[in-house]
Every structure is written in C-alpha cells, then in structure tokens.
Amino acid sequence: DYWNKFEHVRVAASLDANHARGEFL
C-alpha cells in the first residue's frame, strides 16, 4: 500500500539460499 504511493521504489530481498538452506541461514 505504501510503495504504491511513491514513484521510485527498489526492494532488495536479503535471501541467501532457497528452501531449507534459506531457512537455515
């Protein structure tokens, strides 16, 4: 809802791995 009120939004997702590896880290 907030992001739709701004013209320029850049989201960097801190995800290091997928599935069980991601949940571990």
PDB file of all heavy atoms in Angstrom:
ATOM      1  N   ASP A   1       0.836  -1.206   0.000  1.00  0.00           N
ATOM      2  CA  ASP A   1       0.000   0.000   0.000  1.00  0.00           C
ATOM      3  C   ASP A   1       0.869   1.253   0.000  1.00  0.00           C
ATOM      4  O   ASP A   1       0.586   2.226  -0.726  1.00  0.00           O
ATOM      5  CB  ASP A   1      -0.915   0.023   1.230  1.00  0.00           C
ATOM      6  CG  ASP A   1      -1.922  -1.115   1.255  1.00  0.00           C
ATOM      7  OD1 ASP A   1      -2.353  -1.551   0.165  1.00  0.00           O
ATOM      8  OD2 ASP A   1      -2.271  -1.575   2.362  1.00  0.00           O
ATOM      9  N   TYR A   2       1.910   1.254   0.814  1.00  0.00           N
ATOM     10  CA  TYR A   2       2.813   2.410   0.873  1.00  0.00           C
ATOM     11  C   TYR A   2       3.604   2.565  -0.416  1.00  0.00           C
ATOM     12  O   TYR A   2       3.751   3.677  -0.948  1.00  0.00           O
ATOM     13  CB  TYR A   2       3.765   2.272   2.065  1.00  0.00           C
ATOM     14  CG  TYR A   2       3.166   2.706   3.383  1.00  0.00           C
ATOM     15  CD1 TYR A   2       2.504   1.797   4.201  1.00  0.00           C
ATOM     16  CD2 TYR A   2       3.254   4.027   3.812  1.00  0.00           C
ATOM     17  CE1 TYR A   2       1.954   2.195   5.420  1.00  0.00           C
ATOM     18  CE2 TYR A   2       2.713   4.435   5.025  1.00  0.00           C
ATOM     19  CZ  TYR A   2       2.054   3.515   5.819  1.00  0.00           C
ATOM     20  OH  TYR A   2       1.501   3.911   7.014  1.00  0.00           O
ATOM     21  N   TRP A   3       4.152   1.480  -0.920  1.00  0.00           N
ATOM     22  CA  TRP A   3       5.005   1.568  -2.102  1.00  0.00           C
ATOM     23  C   TRP A   3       4.253   2.110  -3.313  1.00  0.00           C
ATOM     24  O   TRP A   3       4.843   2.776  -4.161  1.00  0.00           O
ATOM     25  CB  TRP A   3       5.607   0.195  -2.411  1.00  0.00           C
ATOM     26  CG  TRP A   3       6.570  -0.261  -1.348  1.00  0.00           C
ATOM     27  CD1 TRP A   3       7.178   0.513  -0.404  1.00  0.00           C
ATOM     28  CD2 TRP A   3       7.024  -1.588  -1.109  1.00  0.00           C
ATOM     29  NE1 TRP A   3       7.987  -0.241   0.407  1.00  0.00           N
ATOM     30  CE2 TRP A   3       7.907  -1.546   0.005  1.00  0.00           C
ATOM     31  CE3 TRP A   3       6.776  -2.824  -1.712  1.00  0.00           C
ATOM     32  CZ2 TRP A   3       8.551  -2.678   0.503  1.00  0.00           C
ATOM     33  CZ3 TRP A   3       7.402  -3.952  -1.210  1.00  0.00           C
ATOM     34  CH2 TRP A   3       8.277  -3.882  -0.111  1.00  0.00           C
ATOM     35  N   ASN A   4       2.966   1.861  -3.363  1.00  0.00           N
ATOM     36  CA  ASN A   4       2.182   2.366  -4.488  1.00  0.00           C
ATOM     37  C   ASN A   4       1.978   3.873  -4.441  1.00  0.00           C
ATOM     38  O   ASN A   4       1.463   4.458  -5.397  1.00  0.00           O
ATOM     39  CB  ASN A   4       0.829   1.650  -4.549  1.00  0.00           C
ATOM     40  CG  ASN A   4       0.940   0.279  -5.189  1.00  0.00           C
ATOM     41  OD1 ASN A   4       1.771   0.056  -6.074  1.00  0.00           O
ATOM     42  ND2 ASN A   4       0.130  -0.664  -4.745  1.00  0.00           N
ATOM     43  N   LYS A   5       2.385   4.530  -3.355  1.00  0.00           N
ATOM     44  CA  LYS A   5       2.277   5.982  -3.247  1.00  0.00           C
ATOM     45  C   LYS A   5       3.575   6.699  -3.618  1.00  0.00           C
ATOM     46  O   LYS A   5       3.640   7.933  -3.576  1.00  0.00           O
ATOM     47  CB  LYS A   5       1.859   6.373  -1.825  1.00  0.00           C
ATOM     48  CG  LYS A   5       0.462   5.876  -1.448  1.00  0.00           C
ATOM     49  CD  LYS A   5       0.072   6.329  -0.057  1.00  0.00           C
ATOM     50  CE  LYS A   5      -1.284   5.762   0.353  1.00  0.00           C
ATOM     51  NZ  LYS A   5      -2.396   6.231  -0.504  1.00  0.00           N
ATOM     52  N   PHE A   6       4.608   5.930  -3.967  1.00  0.00           N
ATOM     53  CA  PHE A   6       5.888   6.523  -4.330  1.00  0.00           C
ATOM     54  C   PHE A   6       6.277   6.115  -5.749  1.00  0.00           C
ATOM     55  O   PHE A   6       5.975   5.016  -6.201  1.00  0.00           O
ATOM     56  CB  PHE A   6       6.968   6.111  -3.324  1.00  0.00           C
ATOM     57  CG  PHE A   6       6.789   6.747  -1.974  1.00  0.00           C
ATOM     58  CD1 PHE A   6       5.965   6.176  -1.010  1.00  0.00           C
ATOM     59  CD2 PHE A   6       7.419   7.946  -1.675  1.00  0.00           C
ATOM     60  CE1 PHE A   6       5.784   6.768   0.223  1.00  0.00           C
ATOM     61  CE2 PHE A   6       7.252   8.553  -0.432  1.00  0.00           C
ATOM     62  CZ  PHE A   6       6.425   7.969   0.515  1.00  0.00           C
ATOM     63  N   GLU A   7       6.968   7.034  -6.429  1.00  0.00           N
ATOM     64  CA  GLU A   7       7.297   6.823  -7.844  1.00  0.00           C
ATOM     65  C   GLU A   7       8.450   5.853  -8.042  1.00  0.00           C
ATOM     66  O   GLU A   7       8.480   5.120  -9.036  1.00  0.00           O
ATOM     67  CB  GLU A   7       7.646   8.174  -8.485  1.00  0.00           C
ATOM     68  CG  GLU A   7       6.510   9.179  -8.462  1.00  0.00           C
ATOM     69  CD  GLU A   7       6.971  10.574  -8.846  1.00  0.00           C
ATOM     70  OE1 GLU A   7       8.123  10.708  -9.356  1.00  0.00           O
ATOM     71  OE2 GLU A   7       6.218  11.537  -8.621  1.00  0.00           O
ATOM     72  N   HIS A   8       9.409   5.883  -7.136  1.00  0.00           N
ATOM     73  CA  HIS A   8      10.629   5.097  -7.310  1.00  0.00           C
ATOM     74  C   HIS A   8      10.862   4.236  -6.068  1.00  0.00           C
ATOM     75  O   HIS A   8      11.218   4.762  -5.006  1.00  0.00           O
ATOM     76  CB  HIS A   8      11.838   6.003  -7.539  1.00  0.00           C
ATOM     77  CG  HIS A   8      11.656   7.000  -8.637  1.00  0.00           C
ATOM     78  ND1 HIS A   8      11.721   6.648  -9.960  1.00  0.00           N
ATOM     79  CD2 HIS A   8      11.383   8.331  -8.598  1.00  0.00           C
ATOM     80  CE1 HIS A   8      11.516   7.722 -10.700  1.00  0.00           C
ATOM     81  NE2 HIS A   8      11.308   8.755  -9.908  1.00  0.00           N
ATOM     82  N   VAL A   9      10.675   2.949  -6.209  1.00  0.00           N
ATOM     83  CA  VAL A   9      10.886   2.030  -5.099  1.00  0.00           C
ATOM     84  C   VAL A   9      11.746   0.870  -5.592  1.00  0.00           C
ATOM     85  O   VAL A   9      11.473   0.290  -6.646  1.00  0.00           O
ATOM     86  CB  VAL A   9       9.558   1.478  -4.534  1.00  0.00           C
ATOM     87  CG1 VAL A   9       9.828   0.602  -3.306  1.00  0.00           C
ATOM     88  CG2 VAL A   9       8.599   2.610  -4.190  1.00  0.00           C
ATOM     89  N   ARG A  10      12.760   0.584  -4.816  1.00  0.00           N
ATOM     90  CA  ARG A  10      13.674  -0.503  -5.160  1.00  0.00           C
ATOM     91  C   ARG A  10      13.778  -1.413  -3.939  1.00  0.00           C
ATOM     92  O   ARG A  10      14.171  -0.965  -2.863  1.00  0.00           O
ATOM     93  CB  ARG A  10      15.046   0.067  -5.518  1.00  0.00           C
ATOM     94  CG  ARG A  10      16.071  -0.929  -6.020  1.00  0.00           C
ATOM     95  CD  ARG A  10      17.403  -0.227  -6.259  1.00  0.00           C
ATOM     96  NE  ARG A  10      18.368  -1.089  -6.898  1.00  0.00           N
ATOM     97  CZ  ARG A  10      18.723  -1.008  -8.166  1.00  0.00           C
ATOM     98  NH1 ARG A  10      18.196  -0.069  -8.939  1.00  0.00           N
ATOM     99  NH2 ARG A  10      19.600  -1.842  -8.695  1.00  0.00           N
ATOM    100  N   VAL A  11      13.417  -2.668  -4.109  1.00  0.00           N
ATOM    101  CA  VAL A  11      13.403  -3.610  -2.994  1.00  0.00           C
ATOM    102  C   VAL A  11      14.465  -4.676  -3.218  1.00  0.00           C
ATOM    103  O   VAL A  11      14.426  -5.404  -4.220  1.00  0.00           O
ATOM    104  CB  VAL A  11      12.015  -4.261  -2.841  1.00  0.00           C
ATOM    105  CG1 VAL A  11      12.049  -5.339  -1.761  1.00  0.00           C
ATOM    106  CG2 VAL A  11      10.973  -3.202  -2.512  1.00  0.00           C
ATOM    107  N   ALA A  12      15.404  -4.739  -2.296  1.00  0.00           N
ATOM    108  CA  ALA A  12      16.444  -5.763  -2.331  1.00  0.00           C
ATOM    109  C   ALA A  12      16.123  -6.791  -1.253  1.00  0.00           C
ATOM    110  O   ALA A  12      16.101  -6.467  -0.067  1.00  0.00           O
ATOM    111  CB  ALA A  12      17.814  -5.142  -2.093  1.00  0.00           C
ATOM    112  N   ALA A  13      15.846  -7.994  -1.676  1.00  0.00           N
ATOM    113  CA  ALA A  13      15.490  -9.059  -0.739  1.00  0.00           C
ATOM    114  C   ALA A  13      16.747  -9.796  -0.306  1.00  0.00           C
ATOM    115  O   ALA A  13      17.456 -10.383  -1.125  1.00  0.00           O
ATOM    116  CB  ALA A  13      14.504 -10.020  -1.383  1.00  0.00           C
ATOM    117  N   SER A  14      17.013  -9.763   0.989  1.00  0.00           N
ATOM    118  CA  SER A  14      18.179 -10.453   1.555  1.00  0.00           C
ATOM    119  C   SER A  14      17.850 -11.929   1.729  1.00  0.00           C
ATOM    120  O   SER A  14      17.500 -12.374   2.817  1.00  0.00           O
ATOM    121  CB  SER A  14      18.560  -9.844   2.901  1.00  0.00           C
ATOM    122  OG  SER A  14      19.192  -8.616   2.722  1.00  0.00           O
ATOM    123  N   LEU A  15      17.961 -12.638   0.653  1.00  0.00           N
ATOM    124  CA  LEU A  15      17.715 -14.080   0.653  1.00  0.00           C
ATOM    125  C   LEU A  15      18.993 -14.746   0.166  1.00  0.00           C
ATOM    126  O   LEU A  15      19.457 -14.472  -0.939  1.00  0.00           O
ATOM    127  CB  LEU A  15      16.539 -14.419  -0.268  1.00  0.00           C
ATOM    128  CG  LEU A  15      15.219 -13.704   0.044  1.00  0.00           C
ATOM    129  CD1 LEU A  15      14.195 -13.971  -1.056  1.00  0.00           C
ATOM    130  CD2 LEU A  15      14.679 -14.143   1.399  1.00  0.00           C
ATOM    131  N   ASP A  16      19.547 -15.605   0.982  1.00  0.00           N
ATOM    132  CA  ASP A  16      20.867 -16.162   0.686  1.00  0.00           C
ATOM    133  C   ASP A  16      20.813 -17.503  -0.024  1.00  0.00           C
ATOM    134  O   ASP A  16      21.794 -17.923  -0.635  1.00  0.00           O
ATOM    135  CB  ASP A  16      21.667 -16.323   1.983  1.00  0.00           C
ATOM    136  CG  ASP A  16      21.907 -14.991   2.666  1.00  0.00           C
ATOM    137  OD1 ASP A  16      21.963 -13.969   1.961  1.00  0.00           O
ATOM    138  OD2 ASP A  16      22.023 -14.975   3.901  1.00  0.00           O
ATOM    139  N   ALA A  17      19.700 -18.202   0.125  1.00  0.00           N
ATOM    140  CA  ALA A  17      19.564 -19.537  -0.465  1.00  0.00           C
ATOM    141  C   ALA A  17      18.079 -19.874  -0.489  1.00  0.00           C
ATOM    142  O   ALA A  17      17.249 -19.155   0.083  1.00  0.00           O
ATOM    143  CB  ALA A  17      20.352 -20.572   0.340  1.00  0.00           C
ATOM    144  N   ASN A  18      17.730 -20.968  -1.151  1.00  0.00           N
ATOM    145  CA  ASN A  18      16.326 -21.355  -1.265  1.00  0.00           C
ATOM    146  C   ASN A  18      16.003 -22.546  -0.362  1.00  0.00           C
ATOM    147  O   ASN A  18      16.886 -23.262   0.109  1.00  0.00           O
ATOM    148  CB  ASN A  18      15.966 -21.666  -2.723  1.00  0.00           C
ATOM    149  CG  ASN A  18      16.957 -22.608  -3.391  1.00  0.00           C
ATOM    150  OD1 ASN A  18      17.974 -22.990  -2.804  1.00  0.00           O
ATOM    151  ND2 ASN A  18      16.667 -23.006  -4.625  1.00  0.00           N
ATOM    152  N   HIS A  19      14.699 -22.708  -0.101  1.00  0.00           N
ATOM    153  CA  HIS A  19      14.170 -23.859   0.636  1.00  0.00           C
ATOM    154  C   HIS A  19      14.844 -24.016   2.009  1.00  0.00           C
ATOM    155  O   HIS A  19      14.995 -23.033   2.731  1.00  0.00           O
ATOM    156  CB  HIS A  19      14.284 -25.117  -0.230  1.00  0.00           C
ATOM    157  CG  HIS A  19      13.649 -24.951  -1.575  1.00  0.00           C
ATOM    158  ND1 HIS A  19      12.279 -24.900  -1.763  1.00  0.00           N
ATOM    159  CD2 HIS A  19      14.203 -24.781  -2.817  1.00  0.00           C
ATOM    160  CE1 HIS A  19      12.015 -24.723  -3.062  1.00  0.00           C
ATOM    161  NE2 HIS A  19      13.160 -24.641  -3.712  1.00  0.00           N
ATOM    162  N   ALA A  20      15.220 -25.231   2.377  1.00  0.00           N
ATOM    163  CA  ALA A  20      15.759 -25.487   3.718  1.00  0.00           C
ATOM    164  C   ALA A  20      17.061 -24.728   3.961  1.00  0.00           C
ATOM    165  O   ALA A  20      17.343 -24.294   5.090  1.00  0.00           O
ATOM    166  CB  ALA A  20      15.984 -26.985   3.911  1.00  0.00           C
ATOM    167  N   ARG A  21      17.868 -24.559   2.916  1.00  0.00           N
ATOM    168  CA  ARG A  21      19.115 -23.807   3.086  1.00  0.00           C
ATOM    169  C   ARG A  21      18.809 -22.362   3.467  1.00  0.00           C
ATOM    170  O   ARG A  21      19.463 -21.779   4.325  1.00  0.00           O
ATOM    171  CB  ARG A  21      19.941 -23.871   1.802  1.00  0.00           C
ATOM    172  CG  ARG A  21      20.566 -25.227   1.499  1.00  0.00           C
ATOM    173  CD  ARG A  21      21.362 -25.164   0.189  1.00  0.00           C
ATOM    174  NE  ARG A  21      22.077 -26.401  -0.081  1.00  0.00           N
ATOM    175  CZ  ARG A  21      21.561 -27.450  -0.714  1.00  0.00           C
ATOM    176  NH1 ARG A  21      20.284 -27.424  -1.127  1.00  0.00           N
ATOM    177  NH2 ARG A  21      22.293 -28.540  -0.932  1.00  0.00           N
ATOM    178  N   GLY A  22      17.832 -21.782   2.789  1.00  0.00           N
ATOM    179  CA  GLY A  22      17.452 -20.407   3.117  1.00  0.00           C
ATOM    180  C   GLY A  22      16.926 -20.271   4.527  1.00  0.00           C
ATOM    181  O   GLY A  22      17.247 -19.315   5.242  1.00  0.00           O
ATOM    182  N   GLU A  23      16.101 -21.224   4.966  1.00  0.00           N
ATOM    183  CA  GLU A  23      15.541 -21.186   6.315  1.00  0.00           C
ATOM    184  C   GLU A  23      16.616 -21.379   7.379  1.00  0.00           C
ATOM    185  O   GLU A  23      16.524 -20.821   8.476  1.00  0.00           O
ATOM    186  CB  GLU A  23      14.453 -22.247   6.450  1.00  0.00           C
ATOM    187  CG  GLU A  23      13.219 -21.945   5.598  1.00  0.00           C
ATOM    188  CD  GLU A  23      12.173 -23.039   5.649  1.00  0.00           C
ATOM    189  OE1 GLU A  23      12.518 -24.179   6.043  1.00  0.00           O
ATOM    190  OE2 GLU A  23      11.014 -22.769   5.291  1.00  0.00           O
ATOM    191  N   PHE A  24      17.640 -22.152   7.066  1.00  0.00           N
ATOM    192  CA  PHE A  24      18.764 -22.355   7.997  1.00  0.00           C
ATOM    193  C   PHE A  24      19.550 -21.058   8.170  1.00  0.00           C
ATOM    194  O   PHE A  24      19.870 -20.654   9.294  1.00  0.00           O
ATOM    195  CB  PHE A  24      19.670 -23.467   7.469  1.00  0.00           C
ATOM    196  CG  PHE A  24      20.908 -23.716   8.290  1.00  0.00           C
ATOM    197  CD1 PHE A  24      20.905 -24.692   9.278  1.00  0.00           C
ATOM    198  CD2 PHE A  24      22.080 -22.991   8.070  1.00  0.00           C
ATOM    199  CE1 PHE A  24      22.059 -24.938  10.029  1.00  0.00           C
ATOM    200  CE2 PHE A  24      23.222 -23.228   8.817  1.00  0.00           C
ATOM    201  CZ  PHE A  24      23.215 -24.201   9.803  1.00  0.00           C
ATOM    202  N   LEU A  25      19.878 -20.416   7.056  1.00  0.00           N
ATOM    203  CA  LEU A  25      20.722 -19.227   7.119  1.00  0.00           C
ATOM    204  C   LEU A  25      19.977 -18.036   7.701  1.00  0.00           C
ATOM    205  O   LEU A  25      20.587 -17.170   8.344  1.00  0.00           O
ATOM    206  CB  LEU A  25      21.251 -18.876   5.722  1.00  0.00           C
ATOM    207  CG  LEU A  25      22.276 -19.860   5.160  1.00  0.00           C
ATOM    208  CD1 LEU A  25      22.647 -19.495   3.731  1.00  0.00           C
ATOM    209  CD2 LEU A  25      23.523 -19.900   6.035  1.00  0.00           C
TER     210      LEU A  25
END
